Amino acid sequence: MLEQIQQIIEQVSSKEAGAQGISSELTSSVAQATGSSIISGLKDSVSNGNISQLTDLFQGSGDIASNGAVTSIVSNLVGTLSGKLGIDSGVANNFASSVVPQALAMLVSKLKDSNFSITDLLGAFSGGSGSAGGIMDALGGMGLDQNKDGKVGLDDAMSALKGLF
């Protein structure tokens, strides 16, 4: 699952790196740094209990770029690109502010198209498929419809996450 997410991120970041004037020698390093920042940022959001931000993000609610989890990821990526890779901070900021929302929008689109399983996604962000199984078990044990809206969805899974981290 993380490999599929990384592929999406690399596709978007490679294209955007060229558009932002980042040298081709740095494209691979930038793509890896972008993937690491996005994945670790999402993992941090899960472990820190920022469930509403993630729920909003993965349901496509609101502007992706203004989501708190996304702004944190962008900020961390700018620091990595300018600090570790020596990219000008203005270029790094423009790149990160563009590529992170684009990559996450593609991921959200894949989720909506059912190309990714929510169980796999939660497992990827929580440390493996065993954790996702634990989340789904917790949902089952507590009643699948956590928010009592008549549907079982991402928001229900995110509610169950609160007690697991």
N, C-alpha and C. Protein backbone atom coordinates (compact mmCIF):
# COMPACT_ATOMS: atom_id res chain seq x y z
N MET A 1 0.81 -1.20 0.00
CA MET A 1 0.00 0.00 0.00
C MET A 1 0.86 1.27 0.00
N LEU A 2 1.86 1.30 0.87
CA LEU A 2 2.73 2.46 0.90
C LEU A 2 3.47 2.64 -0.42
N GLU A 3 3.77 1.53 -1.09
CA GLU A 3 4.43 1.62 -2.40
C GLU A 3 3.52 2.30 -3.41
N GLN A 4 2.22 1.97 -3.37
CA GLN A 4 1.27 2.59 -4.29
C GLN A 4 1.14 4.09 -3.99
N ILE A 5 1.10 4.43 -2.72
CA ILE A 5 1.02 5.83 -2.33
C ILE A 5 2.28 6.56 -2.78
N GLN A 6 3.43 5.93 -2.56
CA GLN A 6 4.70 6.52 -2.97
C GLN A 6 4.74 6.74 -4.49
N GLN A 7 4.19 5.81 -5.26
CA GLN A 7 4.16 5.97 -6.72
C GLN A 7 3.34 7.19 -7.13
N ILE A 8 2.21 7.38 -6.48
CA ILE A 8 1.38 8.55 -6.77
C ILE A 8 2.16 9.82 -6.47
N ILE A 9 2.81 9.84 -5.32
CA ILE A 9 3.57 11.02 -4.91
C ILE A 9 4.72 11.28 -5.86
N GLU A 10 5.45 10.24 -6.24
CA GLU A 10 6.58 10.42 -7.16
C GLU A 10 6.12 10.92 -8.52
N GLN A 11 4.99 10.43 -8.99
CA GLN A 11 4.46 10.88 -10.27
C GLN A 11 4.18 12.39 -10.23
N VAL A 12 3.48 12.82 -9.19
CA VAL A 12 3.13 14.24 -9.07
C VAL A 12 4.38 15.08 -8.83
N SER A 13 5.25 14.62 -7.92
CA SER A 13 6.41 15.45 -7.56
C SER A 13 7.42 15.56 -8.68
N SER A 14 7.61 14.52 -9.46
CA SER A 14 8.55 14.58 -10.59
C SER A 14 8.08 15.62 -11.61
N LYS A 15 6.80 15.61 -11.90
CA LYS A 15 6.23 16.57 -12.85
C LYS A 15 6.36 17.99 -12.31
N GLU A 16 6.02 18.16 -11.05
CA GLU A 16 6.03 19.50 -10.44
C GLU A 16 7.46 20.02 -10.24
N ALA A 17 8.41 19.13 -9.97
CA ALA A 17 9.80 19.55 -9.78
C ALA A 17 10.32 20.25 -11.03
N GLY A 18 10.03 19.69 -12.19
CA GLY A 18 10.44 20.31 -13.44
C GLY A 18 9.76 21.65 -13.66
N ALA A 19 8.49 21.71 -13.32
CA ALA A 19 7.74 22.95 -13.49
C ALA A 19 8.24 24.06 -12.55
N GLN A 20 8.78 23.68 -11.41
CA GLN A 20 9.27 24.65 -10.43
C GLN A 20 10.74 24.99 -10.63
N GLY A 21 11.37 24.42 -11.64
CA GLY A 21 12.77 24.72 -11.93
C GLY A 21 13.76 23.99 -11.04
N ILE A 22 13.34 22.90 -10.43
CA ILE A 22 14.25 22.09 -9.62
C ILE A 22 15.06 21.22 -10.58
N SER A 23 16.36 21.18 -10.37
CA SER A 23 17.24 20.47 -11.31
C SER A 23 16.90 18.99 -11.40
N SER A 24 17.12 18.44 -12.58
CA SER A 24 16.81 17.02 -12.80
C SER A 24 17.65 16.12 -11.91
N GLU A 25 18.84 16.59 -11.49
CA GLU A 25 19.69 15.79 -10.59
C GLU A 25 19.04 15.61 -9.22
N LEU A 26 18.19 16.56 -8.83
CA LEU A 26 17.55 16.51 -7.52
C LEU A 26 16.15 15.89 -7.55
N THR A 27 15.62 15.64 -8.74
CA THR A 27 14.24 15.18 -8.86
C THR A 27 13.97 13.92 -8.03
N SER A 28 14.84 12.94 -8.11
CA SER A 28 14.63 11.69 -7.36
C SER A 28 14.66 11.95 -5.85
N SER A 29 15.63 12.73 -5.39
CA SER A 29 15.72 13.05 -3.96
C SER A 29 14.51 13.85 -3.49
N VAL A 30 14.05 14.76 -4.33
CA VAL A 30 12.88 15.56 -4.00
C VAL A 30 11.64 14.67 -3.91
N ALA A 31 11.50 13.74 -4.86
CA ALA A 31 10.35 12.82 -4.84
C ALA A 31 10.37 11.96 -3.58
N GLN A 32 11.55 11.45 -3.21
CA GLN A 32 11.65 10.64 -2.00
C GLN A 32 11.34 11.46 -0.75
N ALA A 33 11.87 12.67 -0.68
CA ALA A 33 11.61 13.54 0.47
C ALA A 33 10.13 13.89 0.55
N THR A 34 9.51 14.11 -0.60
CA THR A 34 8.09 14.44 -0.63
C THR A 34 7.27 13.26 -0.13
N GLY A 35 7.58 12.07 -0.63
CA GLY A 35 6.86 10.88 -0.18
C GLY A 35 7.02 10.64 1.30
N SER A 36 8.23 10.75 1.78
CA SER A 36 8.49 10.55 3.21
C SER A 36 7.74 11.57 4.06
N SER A 37 7.74 12.82 3.61
CA SER A 37 7.06 13.88 4.37
C SER A 37 5.55 13.64 4.41
N ILE A 38 4.97 13.27 3.29
CA ILE A 38 3.53 13.05 3.25
C ILE A 38 3.15 11.84 4.11
N ILE A 39 3.85 10.74 3.92
CA ILE A 39 3.51 9.53 4.67
C ILE A 39 3.74 9.72 6.17
N SER A 40 4.88 10.31 6.54
CA SER A 40 5.13 10.52 7.97
C SER A 40 4.16 11.55 8.54
N GLY A 41 3.78 12.54 7.76
CA GLY A 41 2.81 13.53 8.22
C GLY A 41 1.44 12.92 8.47
N LEU A 42 1.02 12.01 7.60
CA LEU A 42 -0.26 11.33 7.80
C LEU A 42 -0.19 10.39 8.99
N LYS A 43 0.93 9.69 9.12
CA LYS A 43 1.11 8.81 10.29
C LYS A 43 1.08 9.63 11.57
N ASP A 44 1.76 10.76 11.58
CA ASP A 44 1.77 11.63 12.76
C ASP A 44 0.36 12.11 13.10
N SER A 45 -0.40 12.45 12.08
CA SER A 45 -1.78 12.89 12.32
C SER A 45 -2.60 11.79 12.97
N VAL A 46 -2.42 10.55 12.51
CA VAL A 46 -3.13 9.43 13.10
C VAL A 46 -2.70 9.25 14.55
N SER A 47 -1.40 9.21 14.78
CA SER A 47 -0.92 8.94 16.14
C SER A 47 -1.18 10.10 17.09
N ASN A 48 -1.29 11.33 16.58
CA ASN A 48 -1.58 12.48 17.43
C ASN A 48 -3.07 12.72 17.62
N GLY A 49 -3.88 11.88 17.00
CA GLY A 49 -5.33 11.98 17.18
C GLY A 49 -6.00 13.10 16.41
N ASN A 50 -5.38 13.59 15.34
CA ASN A 50 -5.98 14.64 14.52
C ASN A 50 -6.98 14.01 13.55
N ILE A 51 -7.94 13.33 14.13
CA ILE A 51 -8.89 12.53 13.36
C ILE A 51 -9.78 13.38 12.47
N SER A 52 -10.28 14.50 12.98
CA SER A 52 -11.19 15.31 12.18
C SER A 52 -10.50 15.87 10.94
N GLN A 53 -9.21 16.24 11.07
CA GLN A 53 -8.47 16.74 9.92
C GLN A 53 -8.34 15.65 8.86
N LEU A 54 -8.03 14.44 9.30
CA LEU A 54 -7.89 13.33 8.35
C LEU A 54 -9.23 12.94 7.75
N THR A 55 -10.26 12.95 8.56
CA THR A 55 -11.59 12.63 8.04
C THR A 55 -11.98 13.64 6.97
N ASP A 56 -11.79 14.91 7.27
CA ASP A 56 -12.09 15.96 6.27
C ASP A 56 -11.26 15.75 5.01
N LEU A 57 -9.99 15.44 5.19
CA LEU A 57 -9.10 15.25 4.05
C LEU A 57 -9.55 14.11 3.16
N PHE A 58 -9.79 12.94 3.76
CA PHE A 58 -10.11 11.76 2.96
C PHE A 58 -11.56 11.71 2.49
N GLN A 59 -12.40 12.56 3.04
CA GLN A 59 -13.76 12.66 2.52
C GLN A 59 -13.85 13.74 1.45
N GLY A 60 -12.75 14.47 1.26
CA GLY A 60 -12.74 15.52 0.26
C GLY A 60 -13.49 16.76 0.72
N SER A 61 -13.62 16.92 2.04
CA SER A 61 -14.34 18.08 2.58
C SER A 61 -13.42 19.30 2.62
N GLY A 62 -13.88 20.38 2.05
CA GLY A 62 -13.13 21.63 2.11
C GLY A 62 -11.94 21.65 1.18
N ASP A 63 -11.17 22.71 1.33
CA ASP A 63 -9.97 22.93 0.52
C ASP A 63 -8.83 22.11 1.09
N ILE A 64 -8.27 21.21 0.31
CA ILE A 64 -7.19 20.34 0.77
C ILE A 64 -6.02 21.17 1.28
N ALA A 65 -5.65 22.21 0.57
CA ALA A 65 -4.48 23.01 0.93
C ALA A 65 -4.61 23.68 2.29
N SER A 66 -5.84 23.93 2.75
CA SER A 66 -6.01 24.60 4.04
C SER A 66 -6.24 23.62 5.19
N ASN A 67 -6.25 22.33 4.91
CA ASN A 67 -6.40 21.32 5.96
C ASN A 67 -5.18 21.37 6.88
N GLY A 68 -5.40 21.32 8.18
CA GLY A 68 -4.31 21.43 9.15
C GLY A 68 -3.23 20.38 8.97
N ALA A 69 -3.61 19.14 8.66
CA ALA A 69 -2.62 18.09 8.44
C ALA A 69 -1.78 18.41 7.21
N VAL A 70 -2.41 18.94 6.18
CA VAL A 70 -1.71 19.27 4.94
C VAL A 70 -0.75 20.44 5.16
N THR A 71 -1.19 21.46 5.87
CA THR A 71 -0.29 22.60 6.10
C THR A 71 0.92 22.18 6.92
N SER A 72 0.73 21.26 7.83
CA SER A 72 1.86 20.74 8.61
C SER A 72 2.83 19.97 7.72
N ILE A 73 2.29 19.15 6.83
CA ILE A 73 3.13 18.38 5.90
C ILE A 73 3.91 19.33 4.98
N VAL A 74 3.25 20.35 4.47
CA VAL A 74 3.89 21.32 3.59
C VAL A 74 5.05 22.00 4.32
N SER A 75 4.80 22.42 5.54
CA SER A 75 5.82 23.10 6.33
C SER A 75 7.04 22.20 6.56
N ASN A 76 6.79 20.95 6.92
CA ASN A 76 7.89 20.01 7.14
C ASN A 76 8.66 19.73 5.86
N LEU A 77 7.95 19.62 4.74
CA LEU A 77 8.61 19.36 3.47
C LEU A 77 9.47 20.54 3.05
N VAL A 78 9.00 21.75 3.25
CA VAL A 78 9.79 22.94 2.91
C VAL A 78 11.10 22.91 3.70
N GLY A 79 11.02 22.59 4.98
CA GLY A 79 12.23 22.50 5.80
C GLY A 79 13.19 21.45 5.31
N THR A 80 12.68 20.31 4.90
CA THR A 80 13.52 19.23 4.39
C THR A 80 14.17 19.63 3.07
N LEU A 81 13.38 20.19 2.16
CA LEU A 81 13.91 20.54 0.84
C LEU A 81 14.96 21.64 0.93
N SER A 82 14.71 22.63 1.75
CA SER A 82 15.68 23.73 1.85
C SER A 82 16.84 23.36 2.75
N GLY A 83 16.58 22.63 3.82
CA GLY A 83 17.64 22.28 4.76
C GLY A 83 18.54 21.15 4.30
N LYS A 84 17.95 20.04 3.90
CA LYS A 84 18.73 18.86 3.53
C LYS A 84 19.18 18.85 2.08
N LEU A 85 18.35 19.41 1.20
CA LEU A 85 18.68 19.34 -0.23
C LEU A 85 19.20 20.66 -0.78
N GLY A 86 19.19 21.72 0.02
CA GLY A 86 19.75 22.99 -0.40
C GLY A 86 18.94 23.75 -1.43
N ILE A 87 17.67 23.43 -1.53
CA ILE A 87 16.81 24.13 -2.49
C ILE A 87 16.39 25.46 -1.87
N ASP A 88 16.39 26.51 -2.68
CA ASP A 88 15.98 27.83 -2.24
C ASP A 88 14.63 27.73 -1.52
N SER A 89 14.49 28.43 -0.40
CA SER A 89 13.28 28.29 0.42
C SER A 89 12.02 28.74 -0.34
N GLY A 90 12.14 29.75 -1.20
CA GLY A 90 11.00 30.18 -1.99
C GLY A 90 10.56 29.10 -2.97
N VAL A 91 11.53 28.50 -3.65
CA VAL A 91 11.24 27.41 -4.59
C VAL A 91 10.66 26.21 -3.82
N ALA A 92 11.27 25.90 -2.68
CA ALA A 92 10.79 24.77 -1.87
C ALA A 92 9.35 25.01 -1.41
N ASN A 93 9.05 26.23 -1.00
CA ASN A 93 7.70 26.56 -0.56
C ASN A 93 6.69 26.45 -1.70
N ASN A 94 7.04 27.00 -2.87
CA ASN A 94 6.15 26.90 -4.02
C ASN A 94 5.92 25.44 -4.41
N PHE A 95 7.00 24.66 -4.42
CA PHE A 95 6.90 23.24 -4.77
C PHE A 95 6.00 22.51 -3.78
N ALA A 96 6.32 22.62 -2.50
CA ALA A 96 5.57 21.88 -1.47
C ALA A 96 4.11 22.30 -1.44
N SER A 97 3.85 23.61 -1.56
CA SER A 97 2.47 24.11 -1.53
C SER A 97 1.66 23.62 -2.72
N SER A 98 2.32 23.25 -3.78
CA SER A 98 1.65 22.74 -4.96
C SER A 98 1.53 21.22 -4.95
N VAL A 99 2.65 20.54 -4.68
CA VAL A 99 2.69 19.10 -4.86
C VAL A 99 1.94 18.33 -3.75
N VAL A 100 2.01 18.79 -2.52
CA VAL A 100 1.36 18.06 -1.44
C VAL A 100 -0.16 18.00 -1.65
N PRO A 101 -0.83 19.13 -1.88
CA PRO A 101 -2.28 19.04 -2.14
C PRO A 101 -2.61 18.21 -3.39
N GLN A 102 -1.78 18.33 -4.46
CA GLN A 102 -2.03 17.55 -5.67
C GLN A 102 -1.95 16.05 -5.39
N ALA A 103 -0.89 15.64 -4.69
CA ALA A 103 -0.70 14.22 -4.40
C ALA A 103 -1.81 13.70 -3.50
N LEU A 104 -2.19 14.47 -2.50
CA LEU A 104 -3.25 14.03 -1.61
C LEU A 104 -4.61 14.01 -2.32
N ALA A 105 -4.83 14.95 -3.23
CA ALA A 105 -6.07 14.94 -4.02
C ALA A 105 -6.14 13.67 -4.87
N MET A 106 -5.00 13.26 -5.45
CA MET A 106 -4.98 12.02 -6.23
C MET A 106 -5.26 10.82 -5.33
N LEU A 107 -4.70 10.81 -4.14
CA LEU A 107 -4.93 9.72 -3.20
C LEU A 107 -6.41 9.66 -2.80
N VAL A 108 -6.99 10.80 -2.51
CA VAL A 108 -8.42 10.86 -2.16
C VAL A 108 -9.26 10.36 -3.33
N SER A 109 -8.88 10.75 -4.53
CA SER A 109 -9.60 10.30 -5.72
C SER A 109 -9.53 8.78 -5.87
N LYS A 110 -8.35 8.21 -5.62
CA LYS A 110 -8.19 6.76 -5.68
C LYS A 110 -9.08 6.08 -4.65
N LEU A 111 -9.17 6.67 -3.47
CA LEU A 111 -10.03 6.10 -2.42
C LEU A 111 -11.49 6.13 -2.86
N LYS A 112 -11.90 7.25 -3.43
CA LYS A 112 -13.28 7.37 -3.88
C LYS A 112 -13.59 6.42 -5.03
N ASP A 113 -12.58 6.13 -5.86
CA ASP A 113 -12.76 5.19 -6.97
C ASP A 113 -12.63 3.75 -6.52
N SER A 114 -12.40 3.55 -5.23
CA SER A 114 -12.28 2.22 -4.62
C SER A 114 -11.07 1.44 -5.09
N ASN A 115 -10.06 2.12 -5.62
CA ASN A 115 -8.84 1.44 -6.00
C ASN A 115 -8.01 1.08 -4.78
N PHE A 116 -8.24 1.79 -3.67
CA PHE A 116 -7.56 1.49 -2.42
C PHE A 116 -8.61 1.09 -1.40
N SER A 117 -8.27 0.13 -0.59
CA SER A 117 -9.13 -0.28 0.50
C SER A 117 -8.83 0.59 1.71
N ILE A 118 -9.87 1.03 2.42
CA ILE A 118 -9.66 1.83 3.61
C ILE A 118 -8.89 1.04 4.66
N THR A 119 -9.11 -0.26 4.72
CA THR A 119 -8.38 -1.10 5.66
C THR A 119 -6.89 -1.07 5.35
N ASP A 120 -6.56 -1.17 4.08
CA ASP A 120 -5.15 -1.10 3.67
C ASP A 120 -4.56 0.26 3.98
N LEU A 121 -5.32 1.31 3.71
CA LEU A 121 -4.82 2.66 3.96
C LEU A 121 -4.55 2.87 5.45
N LEU A 122 -5.51 2.51 6.27
CA LEU A 122 -5.32 2.66 7.71
C LEU A 122 -4.16 1.81 8.20
N GLY A 123 -4.03 0.62 7.64
CA GLY A 123 -2.91 -0.23 8.01
C GLY A 123 -1.58 0.38 7.63
N ALA A 124 -1.53 0.99 6.46
CA ALA A 124 -0.30 1.61 6.00
C ALA A 124 0.11 2.77 6.91
N PHE A 125 -0.86 3.54 7.35
CA PHE A 125 -0.55 4.70 8.18
C PHE A 125 -0.40 4.37 9.65
N SER A 126 -0.84 3.18 10.04
CA SER A 126 -0.74 2.84 11.46
C SER A 126 0.29 1.76 11.71
N GLY A 127 1.06 1.39 10.71
CA GLY A 127 2.19 0.51 10.95
C GLY A 127 2.07 -0.90 10.41
N GLY A 128 1.09 -1.20 9.62
CA GLY A 128 1.01 -2.54 9.03
C GLY A 128 -0.40 -3.06 9.01
N SER A 129 -0.58 -4.16 8.30
CA SER A 129 -1.93 -4.70 8.13
C SER A 129 -2.49 -5.22 9.43
N GLY A 130 -1.65 -5.64 10.35
CA GLY A 130 -2.14 -6.09 11.64
C GLY A 130 -2.86 -4.99 12.37
N SER A 131 -2.34 -3.77 12.29
CA SER A 131 -2.99 -2.64 12.94
C SER A 131 -4.33 -2.34 12.29
N ALA A 132 -4.37 -2.44 10.99
CA ALA A 132 -5.64 -2.19 10.31
C ALA A 132 -6.66 -3.23 10.71
N GLY A 133 -6.21 -4.46 10.82
CA GLY A 133 -7.12 -5.50 11.29
C GLY A 133 -7.61 -5.18 12.68
N GLY A 134 -6.74 -4.67 13.54
CA GLY A 134 -7.13 -4.28 14.88
C GLY A 134 -8.14 -3.15 14.86
N ILE A 135 -7.96 -2.22 13.95
CA ILE A 135 -8.91 -1.11 13.83
C ILE A 135 -10.26 -1.65 13.41
N MET A 136 -10.25 -2.52 12.40
CA MET A 136 -11.53 -3.06 11.92
C MET A 136 -12.17 -3.94 12.99
N ASP A 137 -11.37 -4.68 13.75
CA ASP A 137 -11.91 -5.46 14.86
C ASP A 137 -12.53 -4.55 15.90
N ALA A 138 -11.84 -3.43 16.17
CA ALA A 138 -12.37 -2.47 17.14
C ALA A 138 -13.70 -1.89 16.65
N LEU A 139 -13.76 -1.60 15.36
CA LEU A 139 -15.02 -1.11 14.80
C LEU A 139 -16.13 -2.14 14.98
N GLY A 140 -15.79 -3.39 14.69
CA GLY A 140 -16.79 -4.44 14.83
C GLY A 140 -17.21 -4.63 16.27
N GLY A 141 -16.24 -4.60 17.18
CA GLY A 141 -16.54 -4.79 18.59
C GLY A 141 -17.34 -3.65 19.18
N MET A 142 -17.18 -2.46 18.67
CA MET A 142 -17.89 -1.30 19.21
C MET A 142 -19.15 -0.99 18.42
N GLY A 143 -19.39 -1.73 17.38
CA GLY A 143 -20.49 -1.41 16.47
C GLY A 143 -19.91 -0.62 15.31
N LEU A 144 -20.10 -1.10 14.10
CA LEU A 144 -19.45 -0.49 12.95
C LEU A 144 -19.81 0.97 12.73
N ASP A 145 -21.03 1.31 12.95
CA ASP A 145 -21.48 2.68 12.66
C ASP A 145 -21.19 3.57 13.86
N GLN A 146 -19.93 4.02 13.96
CA GLN A 146 -19.47 4.80 15.11
C GLN A 146 -20.25 6.10 15.31
N ASN A 147 -20.57 6.78 14.23
CA ASN A 147 -21.24 8.08 14.36
C ASN A 147 -22.76 7.98 14.20
N LYS A 148 -23.25 6.77 14.09
CA LYS A 148 -24.69 6.50 14.03
C LYS A 148 -25.41 7.25 12.91
N ASP A 149 -24.71 7.34 11.74
CA ASP A 149 -25.32 8.02 10.61
C ASP A 149 -25.97 7.05 9.62
N GLY A 150 -25.97 5.77 9.96
CA GLY A 150 -26.59 4.77 9.09
C GLY A 150 -25.67 4.20 8.04
N LYS A 151 -24.41 4.68 7.99
CA LYS A 151 -23.43 4.19 7.02
C LYS A 151 -22.13 3.89 7.75
N VAL A 152 -21.37 2.96 7.19
CA VAL A 152 -20.03 2.68 7.70
C VAL A 152 -19.05 3.27 6.71
N GLY A 153 -18.22 4.18 7.19
CA GLY A 153 -17.28 4.85 6.29
C GLY A 153 -16.00 5.21 6.99
N LEU A 154 -15.22 6.04 6.32
CA LEU A 154 -13.93 6.47 6.84
C LEU A 154 -14.06 7.16 8.18
N ASP A 155 -15.10 7.99 8.33
CA ASP A 155 -15.29 8.68 9.60
C ASP A 155 -15.47 7.70 10.76
N ASP A 156 -16.13 6.57 10.51
CA ASP A 156 -16.28 5.55 11.54
C ASP A 156 -14.94 4.91 11.89
N ALA A 157 -14.15 4.63 10.87
CA ALA A 157 -12.82 4.05 11.11
C ALA A 157 -11.94 5.03 11.87
N MET A 158 -12.00 6.30 11.50
CA MET A 158 -11.18 7.30 12.18
C MET A 158 -11.61 7.44 13.64
N SER A 159 -12.89 7.35 13.92
CA SER A 159 -13.36 7.40 15.31
C SER A 159 -12.78 6.25 16.13
N ALA A 160 -12.71 5.08 15.52
CA ALA A 160 -12.16 3.91 16.23
C ALA A 160 -10.67 4.07 16.48
N LEU A 161 -9.99 4.82 15.61
CA LEU A 161 -8.55 5.02 15.76
C LEU A 161 -8.20 5.73 17.07
N LYS A 162 -9.06 6.60 17.54
CA LYS A 162 -8.77 7.39 18.73
C LYS A 162 -8.31 6.52 19.89
N GLY A 163 -8.96 5.39 20.08
CA GLY A 163 -8.63 4.54 21.20
C GLY A 163 -7.44 3.63 20.97
N LEU A 164 -6.95 3.57 19.75
CA LEU A 164 -5.88 2.63 19.44
C LEU A 164 -4.49 3.25 19.46
N PHE A 165 -4.40 4.58 19.50
CA PHE A 165 -3.09 5.24 19.45
C PHE A 165 -2.88 6.09 20.67
